[in-house]
C-alpha atoms as a PDB file:
ATOM      1  CA  MET A   1      -3.292  -7.853 -33.069  1.00  0.00           C
ATOM      2  CA  ILE A   2      -5.999  -8.188 -30.432  1.00  0.00           C
ATOM      3  CA  TRP A   3      -6.624 -11.827 -31.297  1.00  0.00           C
ATOM      4  CA  LEU A   4      -2.900 -12.566 -31.546  1.00  0.00           C
ATOM      5  CA  THR A   5      -2.249 -10.980 -28.158  1.00  0.00           C
ATOM      6  CA  TRP A   6      -5.025 -13.038 -26.603  1.00  0.00           C
ATOM      7  CA  ARG A   7      -3.742 -16.260 -28.199  1.00  0.00           C
ATOM      8  CA  GLN A   8      -0.203 -15.645 -26.986  1.00  0.00           C
ATOM      9  CA  HIS A   9      -1.021 -14.592 -23.429  1.00  0.00           C
ATOM     10  CA  ARG A  10      -4.346 -16.220 -22.642  1.00  0.00           C
ATOM     11  CA  GLY A  11      -2.631 -18.876 -20.513  1.00  0.00           C
ATOM     12  CA  GLN A  12      -1.024 -16.258 -18.268  1.00  0.00           C
ATOM     13  CA  ILE A  13      -4.181 -14.147 -18.043  1.00  0.00           C
ATOM     14  CA  LEU A  14      -6.423 -17.116 -17.263  1.00  0.00           C
ATOM     15  CA  THR A  15      -3.937 -18.422 -14.687  1.00  0.00           C
ATOM     16  CA  ALA A  16      -3.912 -15.023 -12.991  1.00  0.00           C
ATOM     17  CA  LEU A  17      -7.708 -14.869 -13.069  1.00  0.00           C
ATOM     18  CA  VAL A  18      -8.104 -18.361 -11.583  1.00  0.00           C
ATOM     19  CA  THR A  19      -5.553 -17.509  -8.891  1.00  0.00           C
ATOM     20  CA  LEU A  20      -7.509 -14.387  -7.988  1.00  0.00           C
ATOM     21  CA  LEU A  21     -10.766 -16.339  -7.887  1.00  0.00           C
ATOM     22  CA  LEU A  22      -9.250 -18.914  -5.520  1.00  0.00           C
ATOM     23  CA  LEU A  23      -7.824 -16.100  -3.421  1.00  0.00           C
ATOM     24  CA  GLY A  24     -11.259 -14.472  -3.425  1.00  0.00           C
ATOM     25  CA  VAL A  25     -12.796 -17.640  -1.966  1.00  0.00           C
ATOM     26  CA  LEU A  26     -10.155 -17.677   0.769  1.00  0.00           C
ATOM     27  CA  LEU A  27     -10.706 -14.014   1.515  1.00  0.00           C
ATOM     28  CA  PHE A  28     -14.465 -14.509   1.653  1.00  0.00           C
ATOM     29  CA  VAL A  29     -14.229 -17.382   4.146  1.00  0.00           C
ATOM     30  CA  THR A  30     -11.645 -15.771   6.427  1.00  0.00           C
ATOM     31  CA  GLY A  31     -13.210 -12.338   6.033  1.00  0.00           C
ATOM     32  CA  ARG A  32     -16.569 -13.678   7.159  1.00  0.00           C
ATOM     33  CA  GLN A  33     -14.914 -15.172  10.240  1.00  0.00           C
ATOM     34  CA  MET A  34     -13.355 -11.810  11.075  1.00  0.00           C
ATOM     35  CA  ARG A  35     -16.616  -9.933  10.586  1.00  0.00           C
ATOM     36  CA  ASP A  36     -18.488 -12.356  12.827  1.00  0.00           C
ATOM     37  CA  ALA A  37     -15.820 -12.015  15.523  1.00  0.00           C
ATOM     38  CA  PHE A  38     -15.819  -8.236  15.097  1.00  0.00           C
ATOM     39  CA  THR A  39     -19.542  -8.085  15.802  1.00  0.00           C
ATOM     40  CA  SER A  40     -19.930 -10.846  18.394  1.00  0.00           C
ATOM     41  CA  GLY A  41     -16.944  -9.609  20.400  1.00  0.00           C
ATOM     42  CA  GLY A  42     -18.596  -6.253  20.978  1.00  0.00           C
ATOM     43  CA  LEU A  43     -15.990  -4.256  19.047  1.00  0.00           C
ATOM     44  CA  GLU A  44     -18.407  -2.891  16.476  1.00  0.00           C
ATOM     45  CA  ALA A  45     -20.811  -1.666  19.173  1.00  0.00           C
ATOM     46  CA  CYS A  46     -17.936  -0.149  21.143  1.00  0.00           C
ATOM     47  CA  LEU A  47     -16.614   1.792  18.162  1.00  0.00           C
ATOM     48  CA  ASP A  48     -20.092   3.002  17.223  1.00  0.00           C
ATOM     49  CA  THR A  49     -20.555   4.297  20.756  1.00  0.00           C
ATOM     50  CA  LEU A  50     -17.134   5.947  20.855  1.00  0.00           C
ATOM     51  CA  GLY A  51     -17.582   7.731  17.529  1.00  0.00           C
ATOM     52  CA  THR A  52     -14.720   9.445  15.710  1.00  0.00           C
ATOM     53  CA  PRO A  53     -13.680  12.518  17.735  1.00  0.00           C
ATOM     54  CA  ALA A  54     -10.068  13.636  17.399  1.00  0.00           C
ATOM     55  CA  PHE A  55      -9.631  13.581  21.175  1.00  0.00           C
ATOM     56  CA  VAL A  56     -11.280  11.347  23.755  1.00  0.00           C
ATOM     57  CA  PRO A  57     -11.077  11.088  27.550  1.00  0.00           C
ATOM     58  CA  ILE A  58      -7.915   9.295  28.598  1.00  0.00           C
ATOM     59  CA  ASP A  59      -9.949   6.290  29.680  1.00  0.00           C
ATOM     60  CA  GLY A  60     -12.699   6.875  27.115  1.00  0.00           C
ATOM     61  CA  SER A  61     -11.307   4.701  24.335  1.00  0.00           C
ATOM     62  CA  SER A  62      -9.369   2.226  26.453  1.00  0.00           C
ATOM     63  CA  ASN A  63     -12.114  -0.388  26.259  1.00  0.00           C
ATOM     64  CA  CYS A  64     -12.292  -0.161  22.466  1.00  0.00           C
ATOM     65  CA  VAL A  65      -8.498  -0.183  22.221  1.00  0.00           C
ATOM     66  CA  ASP A  66      -8.294  -3.295  24.380  1.00  0.00           C
ATOM     67  CA  LEU A  67     -10.980  -5.029  22.325  1.00  0.00           C
ATOM     68  CA  GLY A  68      -9.210  -3.988  19.126  1.00  0.00           C
ATOM     69  CA  GLU A  69      -5.858  -5.322  20.321  1.00  0.00           C
ATOM     70  CA  SER A  70      -7.494  -8.586  21.334  1.00  0.00           C
ATOM     71  CA  PHE A  71      -9.192  -8.838  17.935  1.00  0.00           C
ATOM     72  CA  ALA A  72      -5.926  -8.120  16.072  1.00  0.00           C
ATOM     73  CA  ALA A  73      -4.046 -10.641  18.214  1.00  0.00           C
ATOM     74  CA  ARG A  74      -6.652 -13.296  17.476  1.00  0.00           C
ATOM     75  CA  PHE A  75      -6.059 -12.938  13.748  1.00  0.00           C
ATOM     76  CA  PHE A  76      -2.312 -12.233  13.986  1.00  0.00           C
ATOM     77  CA  ASN A  77      -1.252 -15.255  11.905  1.00  0.00           C
ATOM     78  CA  LEU A  78      -3.770 -14.358   9.236  1.00  0.00           C
ATOM     79  CA  ARG A  79      -2.520 -10.762   9.182  1.00  0.00           C
ATOM     80  CA  LEU A  80       1.063 -11.987   8.864  1.00  0.00           C
ATOM     81  CA  LEU A  81       0.200 -14.158   5.856  1.00  0.00           C
ATOM     82  CA  ALA A  82      -1.706 -11.252   4.349  1.00  0.00           C
ATOM     83  CA  LEU A  83       1.255  -8.934   4.846  1.00  0.00           C
ATOM     84  CA  VAL A  84       3.463 -11.204   2.777  1.00  0.00           C
ATOM     85  CA  GLY A  85       0.892 -12.231   0.177  1.00  0.00           C
ATOM     86  CA  PHE A  86      -0.796  -8.900  -0.436  1.00  0.00           C
ATOM     87  CA  LEU A  87       2.532  -7.111  -0.845  1.00  0.00           C
ATOM     88  CA  VAL A  88       3.924  -9.705  -3.252  1.00  0.00           C
ATOM     89  CA  LEU A  89       0.919 -10.520  -5.445  1.00  0.00           C
ATOM     90  CA  PRO A  90       0.790  -7.188  -7.357  1.00  0.00           C
ATOM     91  CA  LEU A  91       4.482  -7.655  -8.171  1.00  0.00           C
ATOM     92  CA  LEU A  92       3.975 -11.231  -9.339  1.00  0.00           C
ATOM     93  CA  LEU A  93       0.903 -10.314 -11.370  1.00  0.00           C
ATOM     94  CA  GLY A  94       2.735  -7.593 -13.270  1.00  0.00           C
ATOM     95  CA  MET A  95       6.089  -9.346 -13.483  1.00  0.00           C
ATOM     96  CA  PHE A  96       4.857 -12.654 -14.920  1.00  0.00           C
ATOM     97  CA  LEU A  97       2.748 -10.879 -17.530  1.00  0.00           C
ATOM     98  CA  GLY A  98       5.278  -8.156 -18.364  1.00  0.00           C
ATOM     99  CA  ALA A  99       8.713  -9.781 -18.447  1.00  0.00           C
ATOM    100  CA  PRO A 100       7.948 -12.360 -21.189  1.00  0.00           C
ATOM    101  CA  VAL A 101       6.140  -9.942 -23.539  1.00  0.00           C
ATOM    102  CA  VAL A 102       9.249  -8.902 -25.454  1.00  0.00           C
ATOM    103  CA  ALA A 103      11.892 -11.206 -23.970  1.00  0.00           C
ATOM    104  CA  ARG A 104      10.143 -14.400 -25.078  1.00  0.00           C
ATOM    105  CA  GLU A 105       9.819 -13.142 -28.656  1.00  0.00           C
ATOM    106  CA  LEU A 106      13.543 -12.356 -28.688  1.00  0.00           C
ATOM    107  CA  GLU A 107      14.516 -15.670 -27.109  1.00  0.00           C
ATOM    108  CA  GLN A 108      12.506 -17.674 -29.630  1.00  0.00           C
ATOM    109  CA  GLY A 109      13.381 -15.463 -32.591  1.00  0.00           C
ATOM    110  CA  THR A 110       9.710 -14.975 -33.509  1.00  0.00           C
ATOM    111  CA  HIS A 111      10.089 -11.194 -33.497  1.00  0.00           C
ATOM    112  CA  GLN A 112      11.789 -11.363 -36.879  1.00  0.00           C
ATOM    113  CA  LEU A 113       8.658 -12.944 -38.360  1.00  0.00           C
ATOM    114  CA  VAL A 114       6.096 -10.821 -36.510  1.00  0.00           C
ATOM    115  CA  TRP A 115       7.658  -7.500 -37.453  1.00  0.00           C
ATOM    116  CA  THR A 116       7.803  -8.385 -41.183  1.00  0.00           C
ATOM    117  CA  GLN A 117       4.143  -9.425 -41.611  1.00  0.00           C
ATOM    118  CA  GLY A 118       2.605  -6.030 -42.212  1.00  0.00           C
ATOM    119  CA  VAL A 119       2.625  -5.059 -38.540  1.00  0.00           C
ATOM    120  CA  GLY A 120       5.283  -2.504 -37.720  1.00  0.00           C
ATOM    121  CA  ARG A 121       7.268  -2.562 -34.520  1.00  0.00           C
ATOM    122  CA  ARG A 122       5.545   0.468 -33.074  1.00  0.00           C
ATOM    123  CA  ARG A 123       2.034  -0.774 -33.789  1.00  0.00           C
ATOM    124  CA  TRP A 124       2.912  -4.225 -32.440  1.00  0.00           C
ATOM    125  CA  ALA A 125       4.382  -2.780 -29.251  1.00  0.00           C
ATOM    126  CA  VAL A 126       1.743  -0.126 -28.566  1.00  0.00           C
ATOM    127  CA  THR A 127      -1.198  -2.485 -29.180  1.00  0.00           C
ATOM    128  CA  LYS A 128       0.246  -5.347 -27.219  1.00  0.00           C
ATOM    129  CA  PHE A 129       1.424  -3.226 -24.283  1.00  0.00           C
ATOM    130  CA  ALA A 130      -1.896  -1.386 -24.072  1.00  0.00           C
ATOM    131  CA  LEU A 131      -4.013  -4.553 -24.096  1.00  0.00           C
ATOM    132  CA  LEU A 132      -1.884  -6.348 -21.526  1.00  0.00           C
ATOM    133  CA  ALA A 133      -1.568  -3.276 -19.316  1.00  0.00           C
ATOM    134  CA  LEU A 134      -5.360  -2.977 -19.349  1.00  0.00           C
ATOM    135  CA  SER A 135      -5.628  -6.651 -18.375  1.00  0.00           C
ATOM    136  CA  VAL A 136      -3.225  -6.121 -15.478  1.00  0.00           C
ATOM    137  CA  LEU A 137      -5.159  -3.032 -14.404  1.00  0.00           C
ATOM    138  CA  VAL A 138      -8.458  -4.939 -14.379  1.00  0.00           C
ATOM    139  CA  LEU A 139      -7.002  -7.913 -12.513  1.00  0.00           C
ATOM    140  CA  GLY A 140      -5.234  -5.620 -10.050  1.00  0.00           C
ATOM    141  CA  SER A 141      -8.451  -3.698  -9.420  1.00  0.00           C
ATOM    142  CA  ILE A 142     -10.369  -6.904  -8.718  1.00  0.00           C
ATOM    143  CA  PHE A 143      -7.675  -7.892  -6.255  1.00  0.00           C
ATOM    144  CA  ALA A 144      -7.766  -4.441  -4.619  1.00  0.00           C
ATOM    145  CA  VAL A 145     -11.544  -4.531  -4.096  1.00  0.00           C
ATOM    146  CA  ALA A 146     -11.387  -8.003  -2.532  1.00  0.00           C
ATOM    147  CA  VAL A 147      -8.569  -7.001  -0.198  1.00  0.00           C
ATOM    148  CA  ASP A 148     -10.343  -3.776   0.824  1.00  0.00           C
ATOM    149  CA  LEU A 149     -13.429  -5.721   1.899  1.00  0.00           C
ATOM    150  CA  TRP A 150     -11.282  -8.223   3.777  1.00  0.00           C
ATOM    151  CA  PHE A 151      -9.337  -5.531   5.626  1.00  0.00           C
ATOM    152  CA  GLU A 152     -12.350  -3.498   6.782  1.00  0.00           C
ATOM    153  CA  PRO A 153     -12.733  -5.082  10.260  1.00  0.00           C
ATOM    154  CA  LEU A 154      -8.986  -4.894  10.914  1.00  0.00           C
ATOM    155  CA  ASN A 155      -8.859  -1.274   9.806  1.00  0.00           C
ATOM    156  CA  ARG A 156     -11.626  -0.301  12.206  1.00  0.00           C
ATOM    157  CA  ALA A 157     -10.182  -2.368  15.046  1.00  0.00           C
ATOM    158  CA  THR A 158      -6.647  -0.974  14.823  1.00  0.00           C
ATOM    159  CA  GLY A 159      -6.895   2.403  13.076  1.00  0.00           C
ATOM    160  CA  GLN A 160      -3.740   1.501  11.123  1.00  0.00           C
ATOM    161  CA  ARG A 161      -4.819   1.533   7.479  1.00  0.00           C
ATOM    162  CA  PHE A 162      -2.825   4.742   6.828  1.00  0.00           C
ATOM    163  CA  THR A 163       0.421   3.408   8.286  1.00  0.00           C
ATOM    164  CA  TRP A 164       3.377   2.095   6.287  1.00  0.00           C
ATOM    165  CA  LEU A 165       2.986  -1.451   4.876  1.00  0.00           C
ATOM    166  CA  ILE A 166      -0.721  -1.533   5.804  1.00  0.00           C
ATOM    167  CA  PHE A 167      -1.416   1.329   3.379  1.00  0.00           C
ATOM    168  CA  ASP A 168       0.532  -0.579   0.705  1.00  0.00           C
ATOM    169  CA  GLN A 169      -1.711  -3.642   0.841  1.00  0.00           C
ATOM    170  CA  GLN A 170      -5.077  -2.112  -0.012  1.00  0.00           C
ATOM    171  CA  GLY A 171      -6.782   0.590  -2.031  1.00  0.00           C
ATOM    172  CA  ILE A 172      -6.252   1.667  -5.613  1.00  0.00           C
ATOM    173  CA  VAL A 173      -2.471   1.852  -5.183  1.00  0.00           C
ATOM    174  CA  VAL A 174      -2.435  -1.951  -5.457  1.00  0.00           C
ATOM    175  CA  ALA A 175      -3.568  -1.752  -9.088  1.00  0.00           C
ATOM    176  CA  GLY A 176      -0.947   0.950  -9.659  1.00  0.00           C
ATOM    177  CA  TYR A 177       1.777  -1.309  -8.273  1.00  0.00           C
ATOM    178  CA  ALA A 178       0.707  -4.154 -10.562  1.00  0.00           C
ATOM    179  CA  VAL A 179       0.764  -1.998 -13.706  1.00  0.00           C
ATOM    180  CA  PHE A 180       4.136  -0.549 -12.673  1.00  0.00           C
ATOM    181  CA  ALA A 181       5.565  -4.071 -12.268  1.00  0.00           C
ATOM    182  CA  PHE A 182       4.196  -4.957 -15.714  1.00  0.00           C
ATOM    183  CA  ALA A 183       5.776  -1.903 -17.357  1.00  0.00           C
ATOM    184  CA  LEU A 184       9.058  -2.534 -15.591  1.00  0.00           C
ATOM    185  CA  GLY A 185       9.032  -6.143 -16.757  1.00  0.00           C
ATOM    186  CA  VAL A 186       8.347  -5.145 -20.370  1.00  0.00           C
ATOM    187  CA  LEU A 187      11.269  -2.719 -20.485  1.00  0.00           C
ATOM    188  CA  ALA A 188      13.586  -5.113 -18.647  1.00  0.00           C
ATOM    189  CA  GLY A 189      12.673  -7.875 -21.103  1.00  0.00           C
ATOM    190  CA  ALA A 190      13.393  -5.659 -24.098  1.00  0.00           C
ATOM    191  CA  MET A 191      16.768  -4.594 -22.710  1.00  0.00           C
ATOM    192  CA  THR A 192      18.002  -7.921 -21.308  1.00  0.00           C
ATOM    193  CA  ARG A 193      16.465 -10.152 -24.038  1.00  0.00           C
ATOM    194  CA  ARG A 194      15.997 -12.937 -21.449  1.00  0.00           C
ATOM    195  CA  THR A 195      12.802 -13.673 -19.530  1.00  0.00           C
ATOM    196  CA  LEU A 196      14.364 -14.908 -16.291  1.00  0.00           C
ATOM    197  CA  ARG A 197      16.894 -12.110 -16.287  1.00  0.00           C
ATOM    198  CA  ALA A 198      14.101  -9.603 -16.872  1.00  0.00           C
ATOM    199  CA  MET A 199      12.156 -11.020 -13.919  1.00  0.00           C
ATOM    200  CA  GLY A 200      15.188 -10.622 -11.667  1.00  0.00           C
ATOM    201  CA  VAL A 201      15.714  -7.031 -12.756  1.00  0.00           C
ATOM    202  CA  THR A 202      12.010  -6.301 -12.309  1.00  0.00           C
ATOM    203  CA  LEU A 203      12.015  -7.725  -8.796  1.00  0.00           C
ATOM    204  CA  LEU A 204      15.044  -5.702  -7.744  1.00  0.00           C
ATOM    205  CA  LEU A 205      13.982  -2.367  -9.235  1.00  0.00           C
ATOM    206  CA  PHE A 206      10.366  -2.779  -8.125  1.00  0.00           C
ATOM    207  CA  CYS A 207      11.443  -3.193  -4.492  1.00  0.00           C
ATOM    208  CA  ILE A 208      13.829  -0.235  -4.684  1.00  0.00           C
ATOM    209  CA  VAL A 209      11.259   2.120  -6.215  1.00  0.00           C
ATOM    210  CA  ARG A 210       8.460   1.002  -3.910  1.00  0.00           C
ATOM    211  CA  PHE A 211      10.625   1.529  -0.847  1.00  0.00           C
ATOM    212  CA  GLY A 212      11.788   4.933  -2.062  1.00  0.00           C
ATOM    213  CA  VAL A 213       8.266   6.159  -2.770  1.00  0.00           C
ATOM    214  CA  ALA A 214       6.915   4.878   0.544  1.00  0.00           C
ATOM    215  CA  VAL A 215       9.702   6.403   2.645  1.00  0.00           C
ATOM    216  CA  TRP A 216      10.546   9.664   0.856  1.00  0.00           C
ATOM    217  CA  VAL A 217       7.720  10.544  -1.544  1.00  0.00           C
ATOM    218  CA  ARG A 218       4.523   9.501   0.223  1.00  0.00           C
ATOM    219  CA  PRO A 219       5.000  11.664   3.357  1.00  0.00           C
ATOM    220  CA  GLU A 220       5.398  14.726   1.113  1.00  0.00           C
ATOM    221  CA  LEU A 221       2.283  14.225  -1.016  1.00  0.00           C
ATOM    222  CA  ALA A 222       0.449  16.702   1.229  1.00  0.00           C
ATOM    223  CA  PRO A 223       1.600  19.276   3.781  1.00  0.00           C
ATOM    224  CA  ARG A 224       2.119  17.669   7.156  1.00  0.00           C
ATOM    225  CA  ALA A 225      -0.157  18.590  10.024  1.00  0.00           C
ATOM    226  CA  GLU A 226       1.026  19.289  13.549  1.00  0.00           C
ATOM    227  CA  ARG A 227      -0.692  19.163  16.911  1.00  0.00           C
ATOM    228  CA  SER A 228       0.243  19.498  20.526  1.00  0.00           C
ATOM    229  CA  TYR A 229      -1.601  18.625  23.709  1.00  0.00           C
ATOM    230  CA  PRO A 230      -0.676  18.686  27.394  1.00  0.00           C
ATOM    231  CA  VAL A 231       1.032  15.757  29.053  1.00  0.00           C
ATOM    232  CA  VAL A 232      -1.080  16.282  32.151  1.00  0.00           C
ATOM    233  CA  ALA A 233      -4.592  16.275  30.704  1.00  0.00           C
ATOM    234  CA  THR A 234      -7.912  14.541  30.753  1.00  0.00           C
ATOM    235  CA  THR A 235      -7.954  13.809  26.999  1.00  0.00           C
ATOM    236  CA  MET A 236      -5.729  12.074  24.441  1.00  0.00           C
ATOM    237  CA  PRO A 237      -5.789  11.587  20.646  1.00  0.00           C
ATOM    238  CA  ASN A 238      -8.208   8.937  19.466  1.00  0.00           C
ATOM    239  CA  ARG A 239      -5.816   6.474  17.776  1.00  0.00           C
ATOM    240  CA  LEU A 240      -8.708   4.475  16.340  1.00  0.00           C
ATOM    241  CA  VAL A 241      -9.597   7.381  14.033  1.00  0.00           C
ATOM    242  CA  GLY A 242      -6.697   6.290  11.833  1.00  0.00           C
ATOM    243  CA  ASP A 243      -4.348   9.292  11.627  1.00  0.00           C
ATOM    244  CA  TRP A 244      -0.895   8.545  10.215  1.00  0.00           C
ATOM    245  CA  ILE A 245       1.612   9.565  12.888  1.00  0.00           C
ATOM    246  CA  ILE A 246       4.743  10.448  10.910  1.00  0.00           C
ATOM    247  CA  GLY A 247       6.761  11.858  13.795  1.00  0.00           C
ATOM    248  CA  GLY A 248       6.219  11.308  17.476  1.00  0.00           C
ATOM    249  CA  GLY A 249       9.727  11.215  18.877  1.00  0.00           C
ATOM    250  CA  GLY A 250      13.268  12.325  18.135  1.00  0.00           C
ATOM    251  CA  PRO A 251      14.835  15.680  17.218  1.00  0.00           C
ATOM    252  CA  GLY A 252      12.611  17.680  14.916  1.00  0.00           C
ATOM    253  CA  VAL A 253       9.906  15.031  14.550  1.00  0.00           C
ATOM    254  CA  GLY A 254       7.928  15.391  17.732  1.00  0.00           C
ATOM    255  CA  GLY A 255       8.006  14.119  21.258  1.00  0.00           C
ATOM    256  CA  ILE A 256       7.598  15.696  24.695  1.00  0.00           C
ATOM    257  CA  TYR A 257       8.653  19.327  25.133  1.00  0.00           C
ATOM    258  CA  ASP A 258       8.840  21.442  28.246  1.00  0.00           C
ATOM    259  CA  ALA A 259       7.269  24.873  28.648  1.00  0.00           C
ATOM    260  CA  GLU A 260      10.376  26.537  27.137  1.00  0.00           C
ATOM    261  CA  GLY A 261      10.171  24.411  23.975  1.00  0.00           C
ATOM    262  CA  ARG A 262      13.092  22.123  24.787  1.00  0.00           C
ATOM    263  CA  GLU A 263      12.698  18.458  23.907  1.00  0.00           C
ATOM    264  CA  VAL A 264      12.521  16.306  27.021  1.00  0.00           C
ATOM    265  CA  GLN A 265      12.207  12.898  25.365  1.00  0.00           C
ATOM    266  CA  GLY A 266      10.764  11.155  22.332  1.00  0.00           C
ATOM    267  CA  GLY A 267       7.381   9.497  22.217  1.00  0.00           C
ATOM    268  CA  GLN A 268       4.237  10.579  24.029  1.00  0.00           C
ATOM    269  CA  SER A 269       2.996  10.463  27.583  1.00  0.00           C
ATOM    270  CA  PHE A 270      -0.491  10.789  29.034  1.00  0.00           C
ATOM    271  CA  CYS A 271      -0.779  11.521  32.712  1.00  0.00           C
ATOM    272  CA  GLU A 272      -4.091  11.285  34.486  1.00  0.00           C
ATOM    273  CA  PRO A 273      -4.859  13.899  37.147  1.00  0.00           C
ATOM    274  CA  ASP A 274      -3.929  11.561  40.020  1.00  0.00           C
ATOM    275  CA  ARG A 275      -0.394  11.321  38.556  1.00  0.00           C
ATOM    276  CA  ALA A 276      -0.083  15.011  37.774  1.00  0.00           C
ATOM    277  CA  GLN A 277       2.653  15.808  40.281  1.00  0.00           C
ATOM    278  CA  GLU A 278       4.682  12.783  39.242  1.00  0.00           C
ATOM    279  CA  CYS A 279       4.629  13.927  35.615  1.00  0.00           C
ATOM    280  CA  VAL A 280       5.401  17.523  36.527  1.00  0.00           C
ATOM    281  CA  ASP A 281       8.458  16.309  38.431  1.00  0.00           C
ATOM    282  CA  GLU A 282       9.574  14.250  35.430  1.00  0.00           C
ATOM    283  CA  TYR A 283       8.777  16.588  32.525  1.00  0.00           C
ATOM    284  CA  GLY A 284       8.331  19.996  34.118  1.00  0.00           C
ATOM    285  CA  GLU A 285       5.351  22.312  34.465  1.00  0.00           C
ATOM    286  CA  GLY A 286       3.449  22.834  31.207  1.00  0.00           C
ATOM    287  CA  ALA A 287       5.031  19.913  29.314  1.00  0.00           C
ATOM    288  CA  MET A 288       3.408  19.242  25.949  1.00  0.00           C
ATOM    289  CA  ASN A 289       3.172  16.305  23.562  1.00  0.00           C
ATOM    290  CA  PHE A 290       3.962  17.242  19.954  1.00  0.00           C
ATOM    291  CA  GLU A 291       3.144  15.166  16.863  1.00  0.00           C
ATOM    292  CA  ILE A 292       3.596  15.445  13.118  1.00  0.00           C
ATOM    293  CA  TYR A 293       0.890  13.537  11.274  1.00  0.00           C
ATOM    294  CA  GLN A 294      -1.390  13.185   8.269  1.00  0.00           C
ATOM    295  CA  PRO A 295      -5.109  13.269   9.155  1.00  0.00           C
ATOM    296  CA  ALA A 296      -7.111  10.118   8.510  1.00  0.00           C
ATOM    297  CA  ASP A 297      -9.464  11.923   6.113  1.00  0.00           C
ATOM    298  CA  ARG A 298      -6.567  12.307   3.653  1.00  0.00           C
ATOM    299  CA  TYR A 299      -6.290   8.547   3.181  1.00  0.00           C
ATOM    300  CA  TRP A 300      -8.012   8.374  -0.231  1.00  0.00           C
ATOM    301  CA  ARG A 301      -6.255  11.538  -1.351  1.00  0.00           C
ATOM    302  CA  PHE A 302      -2.934   9.802  -0.714  1.00  0.00           C
ATOM    303  CA  GLN A 303      -4.178   6.645  -2.417  1.00  0.00           C
ATOM    304  CA  VAL A 304      -5.067   8.564  -5.582  1.00  0.00           C
ATOM    305  CA  LEU A 305      -1.856  10.599  -5.616  1.00  0.00           C
ATOM    306  CA  GLU A 306       0.405   7.599  -5.143  1.00  0.00           C
ATOM    307  CA  ALA A 307      -1.519   5.618  -7.750  1.00  0.00           C
ATOM    308  CA  LEU A 308      -0.971   8.506 -10.168  1.00  0.00           C
ATOM    309  CA  VAL A 309       2.755   8.474  -9.374  1.00  0.00           C
ATOM    310  CA  PHE A 310       3.022   4.830 -10.369  1.00  0.00           C
ATOM    311  CA  ALA A 311       0.743   5.333 -13.372  1.00  0.00           C
ATOM    312  CA  GLY A 312       3.068   8.071 -14.589  1.00  0.00           C
ATOM    313  CA  LEU A 313       6.134   5.876 -14.056  1.00  0.00           C
ATOM    314  CA  SER A 314       4.415   3.051 -15.939  1.00  0.00           C
ATOM    315  CA  PHE A 315       3.638   5.311 -18.888  1.00  0.00           C
ATOM    316  CA  VAL A 316       7.270   6.447 -19.058  1.00  0.00           C
ATOM    317  CA  LEU A 317       8.580   2.878 -18.850  1.00  0.00           C
ATOM    318  CA  LEU A 318       6.265   1.610 -21.584  1.00  0.00           C
ATOM    319  CA  GLY A 319       7.179   4.591 -23.759  1.00  0.00           C
ATOM    320  CA  ALA A 320      10.853   3.772 -23.219  1.00  0.00           C
ATOM    321  CA  ALA A 321      10.168   0.150 -24.158  1.00  0.00           C
ATOM    322  CA  VAL A 322       8.508   1.210 -27.440  1.00  0.00           C
ATOM    323  CA  TRP A 323      11.482   3.452 -28.237  1.00  0.00           C
ATOM    324  CA  TRP A 324      13.961   0.667 -27.425  1.00  0.00           C
ATOM    325  CA  ILE A 325      12.145  -1.804 -29.682  1.00  0.00           C
ATOM    326  CA  ARG A 326      12.054   0.655 -32.580  1.00  0.00           C
ATOM    327  CA  ARG A 327      15.622   1.941 -32.288  1.00  0.00           C
ATOM    328  CA  ARG A 328      17.797  -0.617 -30.562  1.00  0.00           C
ATOM    329  CA  LEU A 329      16.491  -4.113 -31.323  1.00  0.00           C
ATOM    330  CA  THR A 330      17.547  -5.971 -34.417  1.00  0.00           C
END
């Protein structure tokens, strides 16, 4: 079965591997450019000097923030391409390996021969699914490591690696997404019996599940933290630390509150001492900023937990595919 699986799918696996190698070359070249700009532009030295305190003087991180914004703007087009490519590649990797596994056998009628040659349906399915899922996991992990190295300067410059869509492009969750797409494609192929149809179903359901997990599940993977700090103050949160601000404006999710606890407006405001009276007139005496957030040091905890969520979903989907092949296919 191992040799047969390799013979049948070696073209797809080798194509995926070559694609990742070519992508790795591109990431190395562009990543080196970003690292050189990160160092030569003074951003690395600025961040090392600033450190990682939770709060900094209101003007204490402005220089680093300005340098970071300039750095991010310089590589905006590259970041935009990465946003599209890095989000799509795990889906494509899993989908193109997963959807044809069962669907192609059914389309060509070869399943009737395979399952009558001393290899039962369950053994055929379990062995094949396990070997290909492992291949997807390895390829997805290689991709994740390359992307993590590429993103490092941007993460430090912007402090955004924990935010939605940026979080989804890097870390071990990427391998989880790829395996989930593979499992979804396998089950869709078994149920639809057509490769192209299975790919369409995989694409649709993958996007729906990913969106649902990112919006409703991810924020609840750990208890949310809260903090408040005066509007008229000499310090402000250090945004370059990388906290994930879940709520900073709107009813019940943070904003600016007066001394009696009534919401004045959404968002945050930082008033330096020379504008103190102006802010008091606008927000009232004792106005406070209030935020709901996940601390930056929980980043890898969230990565592991979300990866486990998709690993669990993948296991269920592959189990369902084995059951469908044994009980429903003829």
